[in-house]
Amino acid sequence: EVKLISDAQAACTAGEPAKYAAIIKTAETLADQLNVAL
């Protein structure tokens, strides 16, 4: 159980940068789309 918990924590931490990079990209894309419409 401790190993599973440790592995899950490591995976959680390792996945954060890519996760938020994608969210940032989505936000910027939306802003670009609004500016194109304007």
PDB file of all heavy atoms in Angstrom:
ATOM      1  N   GLU A   1       0.831  -1.213   0.000  1.00  0.00           N
ATOM      2  CA  GLU A   1       0.000   0.000   0.000  1.00  0.00           C
ATOM      3  C   GLU A   1       0.863   1.260   0.000  1.00  0.00           C
ATOM      4  O   GLU A   1       0.576   2.227  -0.714  1.00  0.00           O
ATOM      5  CB  GLU A   1      -0.925  -0.012   1.217  1.00  0.00           C
ATOM      6  CG  GLU A   1      -2.054  -1.028   1.094  1.00  0.00           C
ATOM      7  CD  GLU A   1      -2.673  -1.396   2.423  1.00  0.00           C
ATOM      8  OE1 GLU A   1      -2.105  -1.022   3.472  1.00  0.00           O
ATOM      9  OE2 GLU A   1      -3.721  -2.062   2.421  1.00  0.00           O
ATOM     10  N   VAL A   2       1.915   1.257   0.786  1.00  0.00           N
ATOM     11  CA  VAL A   2       2.804   2.427   0.851  1.00  0.00           C
ATOM     12  C   VAL A   2       3.470   2.679  -0.500  1.00  0.00           C
ATOM     13  O   VAL A   2       3.611   3.823  -0.931  1.00  0.00           O
ATOM     14  CB  VAL A   2       3.870   2.234   1.957  1.00  0.00           C
ATOM     15  CG1 VAL A   2       4.963   3.285   1.835  1.00  0.00           C
ATOM     16  CG2 VAL A   2       3.214   2.322   3.331  1.00  0.00           C
ATOM     17  N   LYS A   3       3.867   1.606  -1.174  1.00  0.00           N
ATOM     18  CA  LYS A   3       4.481   1.766  -2.498  1.00  0.00           C
ATOM     19  C   LYS A   3       3.486   2.337  -3.501  1.00  0.00           C
ATOM     20  O   LYS A   3       3.830   3.213  -4.304  1.00  0.00           O
ATOM     21  CB  LYS A   3       5.030   0.432  -3.011  1.00  0.00           C
ATOM     22  CG  LYS A   3       5.808   0.572  -4.325  1.00  0.00           C
ATOM     23  CD  LYS A   3       6.381  -0.735  -4.793  1.00  0.00           C
ATOM     24  CE  LYS A   3       7.282  -0.537  -6.008  1.00  0.00           C
ATOM     25  NZ  LYS A   3       6.654   0.221  -7.101  1.00  0.00           N
ATOM     26  N   LEU A   4       2.253   1.837  -3.467  1.00  0.00           N
ATOM     27  CA  LEU A   4       1.224   2.359  -4.369  1.00  0.00           C
ATOM     28  C   LEU A   4       0.981   3.842  -4.118  1.00  0.00           C
ATOM     29  O   LEU A   4       0.824   4.637  -5.049  1.00  0.00           O
ATOM     30  CB  LEU A   4      -0.078   1.574  -4.182  1.00  0.00           C
ATOM     31  CG  LEU A   4      -0.092   0.139  -4.709  1.00  0.00           C
ATOM     32  CD1 LEU A   4      -1.388  -0.556  -4.326  1.00  0.00           C
ATOM     33  CD2 LEU A   4       0.090   0.126  -6.230  1.00  0.00           C
ATOM     34  N   ILE A   5       0.956   4.212  -2.846  1.00  0.00           N
ATOM     35  CA  ILE A   5       0.748   5.618  -2.479  1.00  0.00           C
ATOM     36  C   ILE A   5       1.913   6.473  -2.968  1.00  0.00           C
ATOM     37  O   ILE A   5       1.727   7.555  -3.524  1.00  0.00           O
ATOM     38  CB  ILE A   5       0.583   5.752  -0.949  1.00  0.00           C
ATOM     39  CG1 ILE A   5      -0.743   5.114  -0.509  1.00  0.00           C
ATOM     40  CG2 ILE A   5       0.640   7.222  -0.520  1.00  0.00           C
ATOM     41  CD1 ILE A   5      -0.852   4.908   0.979  1.00  0.00           C
ATOM     42  N   SER A   6       3.122   5.975  -2.766  1.00  0.00           N
ATOM     43  CA  SER A   6       4.317   6.702  -3.204  1.00  0.00           C
ATOM     44  C   SER A   6       4.350   6.860  -4.721  1.00  0.00           C
ATOM     45  O   SER A   6       4.663   7.937  -5.246  1.00  0.00           O
ATOM     46  CB  SER A   6       5.569   5.973  -2.721  1.00  0.00           C
ATOM     47  OG  SER A   6       6.743   6.616  -3.172  1.00  0.00           O
ATOM     48  N   ASP A   7       4.019   5.781  -5.428  1.00  0.00           N
ATOM     49  CA  ASP A   7       4.003   5.829  -6.893  1.00  0.00           C
ATOM     50  C   ASP A   7       2.937   6.807  -7.393  1.00  0.00           C
ATOM     51  O   ASP A   7       3.163   7.549  -8.360  1.00  0.00           O
ATOM     52  CB  ASP A   7       3.735   4.441  -7.466  1.00  0.00           C
ATOM     53  CG  ASP A   7       4.908   3.487  -7.250  1.00  0.00           C
ATOM     54  OD1 ASP A   7       6.001   3.965  -6.893  1.00  0.00           O
ATOM     55  OD2 ASP A   7       4.718   2.272  -7.440  1.00  0.00           O
ATOM     56  N   ALA A   8       1.772   6.795  -6.741  1.00  0.00           N
ATOM     57  CA  ALA A   8       0.686   7.692  -7.139  1.00  0.00           C
ATOM     58  C   ALA A   8       1.077   9.148  -6.916  1.00  0.00           C
ATOM     59  O   ALA A   8       0.780  10.023  -7.738  1.00  0.00           O
ATOM     60  CB  ALA A   8      -0.582   7.360  -6.359  1.00  0.00           C
ATOM     61  N   GLN A   9       1.762   9.405  -5.804  1.00  0.00           N
ATOM     62  CA  GLN A   9       2.197  10.780  -5.528  1.00  0.00           C
ATOM     63  C   GLN A   9       3.216  11.235  -6.567  1.00  0.00           C
ATOM     64  O   GLN A   9       3.160  12.371  -7.059  1.00  0.00           O
ATOM     65  CB  GLN A   9       2.806  10.865  -4.128  1.00  0.00           C
ATOM     66  CG  GLN A   9       3.307  12.278  -3.785  1.00  0.00           C
ATOM     67  CD  GLN A   9       3.873  12.366  -2.376  1.00  0.00           C
ATOM     68  OE1 GLN A   9       3.410  11.677  -1.472  1.00  0.00           O
ATOM     69  NE2 GLN A   9       4.874  13.202  -2.187  1.00  0.00           N
ATOM     70  N   ALA A  10       4.148  10.350  -6.898  1.00  0.00           N
ATOM     71  CA  ALA A  10       5.160  10.698  -7.902  1.00  0.00           C
ATOM     72  C   ALA A  10       4.515  10.971  -9.257  1.00  0.00           C
ATOM     73  O   ALA A  10       4.872  11.919  -9.959  1.00  0.00           O
ATOM     74  CB  ALA A  10       6.187   9.570  -8.015  1.00  0.00           C
ATOM     75  N   ALA A  11       3.540  10.138  -9.625  1.00  0.00           N
ATOM     76  CA  ALA A  11       2.852  10.329 -10.906  1.00  0.00           C
ATOM     77  C   ALA A  11       2.046  11.618 -10.911  1.00  0.00           C
ATOM     78  O   ALA A  11       2.004  12.341 -11.917  1.00  0.00           O
ATOM     79  CB  ALA A  11       1.936   9.141 -11.187  1.00  0.00           C
ATOM     80  N   CYS A  12       1.405  11.894  -9.780  1.00  0.00           N
ATOM     81  CA  CYS A  12       0.619  13.127  -9.647  1.00  0.00           C
ATOM     82  C   CYS A  12       1.511  14.353  -9.837  1.00  0.00           C
ATOM     83  O   CYS A  12       1.185  15.266 -10.596  1.00  0.00           O
ATOM     84  CB  CYS A  12      -0.055  13.152  -8.272  1.00  0.00           C
ATOM     85  SG  CYS A  12      -1.015  14.648  -7.930  1.00  0.00           S
ATOM     86  N   THR A  13       2.637  14.353  -9.149  1.00  0.00           N
ATOM     87  CA  THR A  13       3.563  15.486  -9.230  1.00  0.00           C
ATOM     88  C   THR A  13       4.154  15.626 -10.632  1.00  0.00           C
ATOM     89  O   THR A  13       4.247  16.731 -11.174  1.00  0.00           O
ATOM     90  CB  THR A  13       4.701  15.307  -8.206  1.00  0.00           C
ATOM     91  OG1 THR A  13       4.135  15.205  -6.892  1.00  0.00           O
ATOM     92  CG2 THR A  13       5.666  16.474  -8.251  1.00  0.00           C
ATOM     93  N   ALA A  14       4.530  14.502 -11.219  1.00  0.00           N
ATOM     94  CA  ALA A  14       5.156  14.531 -12.544  1.00  0.00           C
ATOM     95  C   ALA A  14       4.185  15.003 -13.622  1.00  0.00           C
ATOM     96  O   ALA A  14       4.599  15.610 -14.621  1.00  0.00           O
ATOM     97  CB  ALA A  14       5.682  13.142 -12.897  1.00  0.00           C
ATOM     98  N   GLY A  15       2.895  14.753 -13.426  1.00  0.00           N
ATOM     99  CA  GLY A  15       1.918  15.102 -14.445  1.00  0.00           C
ATOM    100  C   GLY A  15       1.438  16.537 -14.406  1.00  0.00           C
ATOM    101  O   GLY A  15       0.796  17.015 -15.360  1.00  0.00           O
ATOM    102  N   GLU A  16       1.751  17.245 -13.324  1.00  0.00           N
ATOM    103  CA  GLU A  16       1.233  18.611 -13.172  1.00  0.00           C
ATOM    104  C   GLU A  16       1.723  19.590 -14.247  1.00  0.00           C
ATOM    105  O   GLU A  16       0.915  20.355 -14.794  1.00  0.00           O
ATOM    106  CB  GLU A  16       1.583  19.151 -11.776  1.00  0.00           C
ATOM    107  CG  GLU A  16       0.811  18.493 -10.643  1.00  0.00           C
ATOM    108  CD  GLU A  16      -0.682  18.667 -10.793  1.00  0.00           C
ATOM    109  OE1 GLU A  16      -1.159  19.809 -10.877  1.00  0.00           O
ATOM    110  OE2 GLU A  16      -1.377  17.635 -10.862  1.00  0.00           O
ATOM    111  N   PRO A  17       3.012  19.645 -14.562  1.00  0.00           N
ATOM    112  CA  PRO A  17       3.477  20.627 -15.561  1.00  0.00           C
ATOM    113  C   PRO A  17       2.756  20.497 -16.903  1.00  0.00           C
ATOM    114  O   PRO A  17       2.296  21.496 -17.469  1.00  0.00           O
ATOM    115  CB  PRO A  17       4.973  20.311 -15.686  1.00  0.00           C
ATOM    116  CG  PRO A  17       5.341  19.719 -14.369  1.00  0.00           C
ATOM    117  CD  PRO A  17       4.149  18.909 -13.967  1.00  0.00           C
ATOM    118  N   ALA A  18       2.651  19.277 -17.411  1.00  0.00           N
ATOM    119  CA  ALA A  18       1.979  19.071 -18.702  1.00  0.00           C
ATOM    120  C   ALA A  18       0.499  19.416 -18.610  1.00  0.00           C
ATOM    121  O   ALA A  18      -0.086  19.992 -19.539  1.00  0.00           O
ATOM    122  CB  ALA A  18       2.158  17.626 -19.154  1.00  0.00           C
ATOM    123  N   LYS A  19      -0.112  19.071 -17.492  1.00  0.00           N
ATOM    124  CA  LYS A  19      -1.534  19.347 -17.290  1.00  0.00           C
ATOM    125  C   LYS A  19      -1.808  20.845 -17.361  1.00  0.00           C
ATOM    126  O   LYS A  19      -2.737  21.287 -18.060  1.00  0.00           O
ATOM    127  CB  LYS A  19      -1.964  18.784 -15.926  1.00  0.00           C
ATOM    128  CG  LYS A  19      -3.352  19.195 -15.478  1.00  0.00           C
ATOM    129  CD  LYS A  19      -3.617  18.661 -14.073  1.00  0.00           C
ATOM    130  CE  LYS A  19      -4.914  19.197 -13.507  1.00  0.00           C
ATOM    131  NZ  LYS A  19      -5.150  18.688 -12.122  1.00  0.00           N
ATOM    132  N   TYR A  20      -1.008  21.623 -16.664  1.00  0.00           N
ATOM    133  CA  TYR A  20      -1.258  23.062 -16.625  1.00  0.00           C
ATOM    134  C   TYR A  20      -0.757  23.774 -17.880  1.00  0.00           C
ATOM    135  O   TYR A  20      -1.298  24.813 -18.258  1.00  0.00           O
ATOM    136  CB  TYR A  20      -0.675  23.671 -15.344  1.00  0.00           C
ATOM    137  CG  TYR A  20      -1.620  23.459 -14.189  1.00  0.00           C
ATOM    138  CD1 TYR A  20      -1.549  22.318 -13.403  1.00  0.00           C
ATOM    139  CD2 TYR A  20      -2.627  24.377 -13.925  1.00  0.00           C
ATOM    140  CE1 TYR A  20      -2.452  22.098 -12.382  1.00  0.00           C
ATOM    141  CE2 TYR A  20      -3.525  24.178 -12.897  1.00  0.00           C
ATOM    142  CZ  TYR A  20      -3.440  23.029 -12.127  1.00  0.00           C
ATOM    143  OH  TYR A  20      -4.356  22.823 -11.121  1.00  0.00           O
ATOM    144  N   ALA A  21       0.228  23.198 -18.532  1.00  0.00           N
ATOM    145  CA  ALA A  21       0.665  23.769 -19.813  1.00  0.00           C
ATOM    146  C   ALA A  21      -0.473  23.684 -20.826  1.00  0.00           C
ATOM    147  O   ALA A  21      -0.704  24.614 -21.618  1.00  0.00           O
ATOM    148  CB  ALA A  21       1.894  23.032 -20.324  1.00  0.00           C
ATOM    149  N   ALA A  22      -1.197  22.570 -20.784  1.00  0.00           N
ATOM    150  CA  ALA A  22      -2.331  22.400 -21.701  1.00  0.00           C
ATOM    151  C   ALA A  22      -3.450  23.377 -21.375  1.00  0.00           C
ATOM    152  O   ALA A  22      -4.099  23.927 -22.276  1.00  0.00           O
ATOM    153  CB  ALA A  22      -2.843  20.962 -21.614  1.00  0.00           C
ATOM    154  N   ILE A  23      -3.687  23.607 -20.083  1.00  0.00           N
ATOM    155  CA  ILE A  23      -4.745  24.546 -19.679  1.00  0.00           C
ATOM    156  C   ILE A  23      -4.381  25.974 -20.091  1.00  0.00           C
ATOM    157  O   ILE A  23      -5.230  26.738 -20.570  1.00  0.00           O
ATOM    158  CB  ILE A  23      -4.987  24.463 -18.160  1.00  0.00           C
ATOM    159  CG1 ILE A  23      -5.507  23.075 -17.791  1.00  0.00           C
ATOM    160  CG2 ILE A  23      -5.985  25.530 -17.719  1.00  0.00           C
ATOM    161  CD1 ILE A  23      -5.657  22.854 -16.299  1.00  0.00           C
ATOM    162  N   ILE A  24      -3.102  26.323 -19.933  1.00  0.00           N
ATOM    163  CA  ILE A  24      -2.639  27.653 -20.350  1.00  0.00           C
ATOM    164  C   ILE A  24      -2.827  27.826 -21.848  1.00  0.00           C
ATOM    165  O   ILE A  24      -3.304  28.878 -22.319  1.00  0.00           O
ATOM    166  CB  ILE A  24      -1.151  27.839 -19.960  1.00  0.00           C
ATOM    167  CG1 ILE A  24      -1.009  27.962 -18.450  1.00  0.00           C
ATOM    168  CG2 ILE A  24      -0.568  29.080 -20.649  1.00  0.00           C
ATOM    169  CD1 ILE A  24       0.428  27.946 -17.972  1.00  0.00           C
ATOM    170  N   LYS A  25      -2.475  26.791 -22.576  1.00  0.00           N
ATOM    171  CA  LYS A  25      -2.622  26.847 -24.041  1.00  0.00           C
ATOM    172  C   LYS A  25      -4.080  27.040 -24.433  1.00  0.00           C
ATOM    173  O   LYS A  25      -4.409  27.828 -25.340  1.00  0.00           O
ATOM    174  CB  LYS A  25      -2.073  25.555 -24.650  1.00  0.00           C
ATOM    175  CG  LYS A  25      -2.132  25.515 -26.178  1.00  0.00           C
ATOM    176  CD  LYS A  25      -1.261  26.585 -26.790  1.00  0.00           C
ATOM    177  CE  LYS A  25      -1.261  26.484 -28.308  1.00  0.00           C
ATOM    178  NZ  LYS A  25      -0.489  27.577 -28.936  1.00  0.00           N
ATOM    179  N   THR A  26      -4.970  26.351 -23.743  1.00  0.00           N
ATOM    180  CA  THR A  26      -6.404  26.477 -24.031  1.00  0.00           C
ATOM    181  C   THR A  26      -6.883  27.898 -23.763  1.00  0.00           C
ATOM    182  O   THR A  26      -7.655  28.466 -24.555  1.00  0.00           O
ATOM    183  CB  THR A  26      -7.213  25.486 -23.172  1.00  0.00           C
ATOM    184  OG1 THR A  26      -6.805  24.156 -23.490  1.00  0.00           O
ATOM    185  CG2 THR A  26      -8.701  25.627 -23.414  1.00  0.00           C
ATOM    186  N   ALA A  27      -6.435  28.494 -22.651  1.00  0.00           N
ATOM    187  CA  ALA A  27      -6.842  29.858 -22.295  1.00  0.00           C
ATOM    188  C   ALA A  27      -6.341  30.859 -23.335  1.00  0.00           C
ATOM    189  O   ALA A  27      -7.068  31.789 -23.739  1.00  0.00           O
ATOM    190  CB  ALA A  27      -6.304  30.218 -20.919  1.00  0.00           C
ATOM    191  N   GLU A  28      -5.099  30.677 -23.751  1.00  0.00           N
ATOM    192  CA  GLU A  28      -4.539  31.597 -24.744  1.00  0.00           C
ATOM    193  C   GLU A  28      -5.224  31.438 -26.103  1.00  0.00           C
ATOM    194  O   GLU A  28      -5.458  32.427 -26.819  1.00  0.00           O
ATOM    195  CB  GLU A  28      -3.028  31.352 -24.878  1.00  0.00           C
ATOM    196  CG  GLU A  28      -2.239  31.758 -23.637  1.00  0.00           C
ATOM    197  CD  GLU A  28      -0.765  31.425 -23.742  1.00  0.00           C
ATOM    198  OE1 GLU A  28      -0.412  30.574 -24.595  1.00  0.00           O
ATOM    199  OE2 GLU A  28       0.035  32.004 -22.983  1.00  0.00           O
ATOM    200  N   THR A  29      -5.569  30.214 -26.444  1.00  0.00           N
ATOM    201  CA  THR A  29      -6.271  29.954 -27.710  1.00  0.00           C
ATOM    202  C   THR A  29      -7.645  30.626 -27.713  1.00  0.00           C
ATOM    203  O   THR A  29      -8.071  31.217 -28.718  1.00  0.00           O
ATOM    204  CB  THR A  29      -6.425  28.443 -27.946  1.00  0.00           C
ATOM    205  OG1 THR A  29      -5.122  27.853 -28.030  1.00  0.00           O
ATOM    206  CG2 THR A  29      -7.191  28.165 -29.226  1.00  0.00           C
ATOM    207  N   LEU A  30      -8.337  30.536 -26.585  1.00  0.00           N
ATOM    208  CA  LEU A  30      -9.648  31.176 -26.476  1.00  0.00           C
ATOM    209  C   LEU A  30      -9.523  32.686 -26.644  1.00  0.00           C
ATOM    210  O   LEU A  30     -10.324  33.319 -27.358  1.00  0.00           O
ATOM    211  CB  LEU A  30     -10.285  30.851 -25.125  1.00  0.00           C
ATOM    212  CG  LEU A  30     -11.610  31.565 -24.833  1.00  0.00           C
ATOM    213  CD1 LEU A  30     -12.672  31.170 -25.850  1.00  0.00           C
ATOM    214  CD2 LEU A  30     -12.093  31.252 -23.410  1.00  0.00           C
ATOM    215  N   ALA A  31      -8.515  33.262 -26.003  1.00  0.00           N
ATOM    216  CA  ALA A  31      -8.305  34.714 -26.123  1.00  0.00           C
ATOM    217  C   ALA A  31      -7.998  35.085 -27.580  1.00  0.00           C
ATOM    218  O   ALA A  31      -8.495  36.110 -28.088  1.00  0.00           O
ATOM    219  CB  ALA A  31      -7.170  35.149 -25.208  1.00  0.00           C
ATOM    220  N   ASP A  32      -7.187  34.263 -28.232  1.00  0.00           N
ATOM    221  CA  ASP A  32      -6.869  34.520 -29.647  1.00  0.00           C
ATOM    222  C   ASP A  32      -8.134  34.475 -30.502  1.00  0.00           C
ATOM    223  O   ASP A  32      -8.327  35.303 -31.407  1.00  0.00           O
ATOM    224  CB  ASP A  32      -5.861  33.490 -30.158  1.00  0.00           C
ATOM    225  CG  ASP A  32      -4.472  33.679 -29.562  1.00  0.00           C
ATOM    226  OD1 ASP A  32      -4.193  34.789 -29.050  1.00  0.00           O
ATOM    227  OD2 ASP A  32      -3.676  32.711 -29.608  1.00  0.00           O
ATOM    228  N   GLN A  33      -9.005  33.520 -30.215  1.00  0.00           N
ATOM    229  CA  GLN A  33     -10.243  33.387 -30.982  1.00  0.00           C
ATOM    230  C   GLN A  33     -11.152  34.603 -30.786  1.00  0.00           C
ATOM    231  O   GLN A  33     -11.769  35.095 -31.745  1.00  0.00           O
ATOM    232  CB  GLN A  33     -10.977  32.099 -30.578  1.00  0.00           C
ATOM    233  CG  GLN A  33     -10.263  30.830 -31.024  1.00  0.00           C
ATOM    234  CD  GLN A  33     -10.895  29.575 -30.444  1.00  0.00           C
ATOM    235  OE1 GLN A  33     -11.689  29.641 -29.499  1.00  0.00           O
ATOM    236  NE2 GLN A  33     -10.519  28.426 -30.997  1.00  0.00           N
ATOM    237  N   LEU A  34     -11.215  35.085 -29.553  1.00  0.00           N
ATOM    238  CA  LEU A  34     -12.027  36.276 -29.283  1.00  0.00           C
ATOM    239  C   LEU A  34     -11.450  37.493 -29.995  1.00  0.00           C
ATOM    240  O   LEU A  34     -12.194  38.317 -30.570  1.00  0.00           O
ATOM    241  CB  LEU A  34     -12.103  36.532 -27.776  1.00  0.00           C
ATOM    242  CG  LEU A  34     -12.938  35.545 -26.952  1.00  0.00           C
ATOM    243  CD1 LEU A  34     -12.814  35.853 -25.469  1.00  0.00           C
ATOM    244  CD2 LEU A  34     -14.398  35.605 -27.381  1.00  0.00           C
ATOM    245  N   ASN A  35     -10.122  37.607 -29.959  1.00  0.00           N
ATOM    246  CA  ASN A  35      -9.491  38.749 -30.643  1.00  0.00           C
ATOM    247  C   ASN A  35      -9.693  38.681 -32.159  1.00  0.00           C
ATOM    248  O   ASN A  35      -9.874  39.710 -32.812  1.00  0.00           O
ATOM    249  CB  ASN A  35      -8.000  38.800 -30.307  1.00  0.00           C
ATOM    250  CG  ASN A  35      -7.743  39.399 -28.936  1.00  0.00           C
ATOM    251  OD1 ASN A  35      -8.439  40.322 -28.517  1.00  0.00           O
ATOM    252  ND2 ASN A  35      -6.742  38.875 -28.231  1.00  0.00           N
ATOM    253  N   VAL A  36      -9.664  37.479 -32.714  1.00  0.00           N
ATOM    254  CA  VAL A  36      -9.911  37.321 -34.151  1.00  0.00           C
ATOM    255  C   VAL A  36     -11.332  37.772 -34.482  1.00  0.00           C
ATOM    256  O   VAL A  36     -11.581  38.468 -35.492  1.00  0.00           O
ATOM    257  CB  VAL A  36      -9.690  35.859 -34.584  1.00  0.00           C
ATOM    258  CG1 VAL A  36     -10.239  35.627 -35.987  1.00  0.00           C
ATOM    259  CG2 VAL A  36      -8.213  35.502 -34.528  1.00  0.00           C
ATOM    260  N   ALA A  37     -12.301  37.391 -33.626  1.00  0.00           N
ATOM    261  CA  ALA A  37     -13.695  37.793 -33.843  1.00  0.00           C
ATOM    262  C   ALA A  37     -13.839  39.305 -33.725  1.00  0.00           C
ATOM    263  O   ALA A  37     -14.587  39.932 -34.502  1.00  0.00           O
ATOM    264  CB  ALA A  37     -14.595  37.085 -32.834  1.00  0.00           C
ATOM    265  N   LEU A  38     -13.132  39.899 -32.772  1.00  0.00           N
ATOM    266  CA  LEU A  38     -13.199  41.356 -32.613  1.00  0.00           C
ATOM    267  C   LEU A  38     -12.559  42.056 -33.823  1.00  0.00           C
ATOM    268  O   LEU A  38     -13.090  43.069 -34.320  1.00  0.00           O
ATOM    269  CB  LEU A  38     -12.489  41.776 -31.317  1.00  0.00           C
ATOM    270  CG  LEU A  38     -13.212  41.428 -30.010  1.00  0.00           C
ATOM    271  CD1 LEU A  38     -12.317  41.735 -28.804  1.00  0.00           C
ATOM    272  CD2 LEU A  38     -14.537  42.192 -29.883  1.00  0.00           C
TER     273      LEU A  38
END
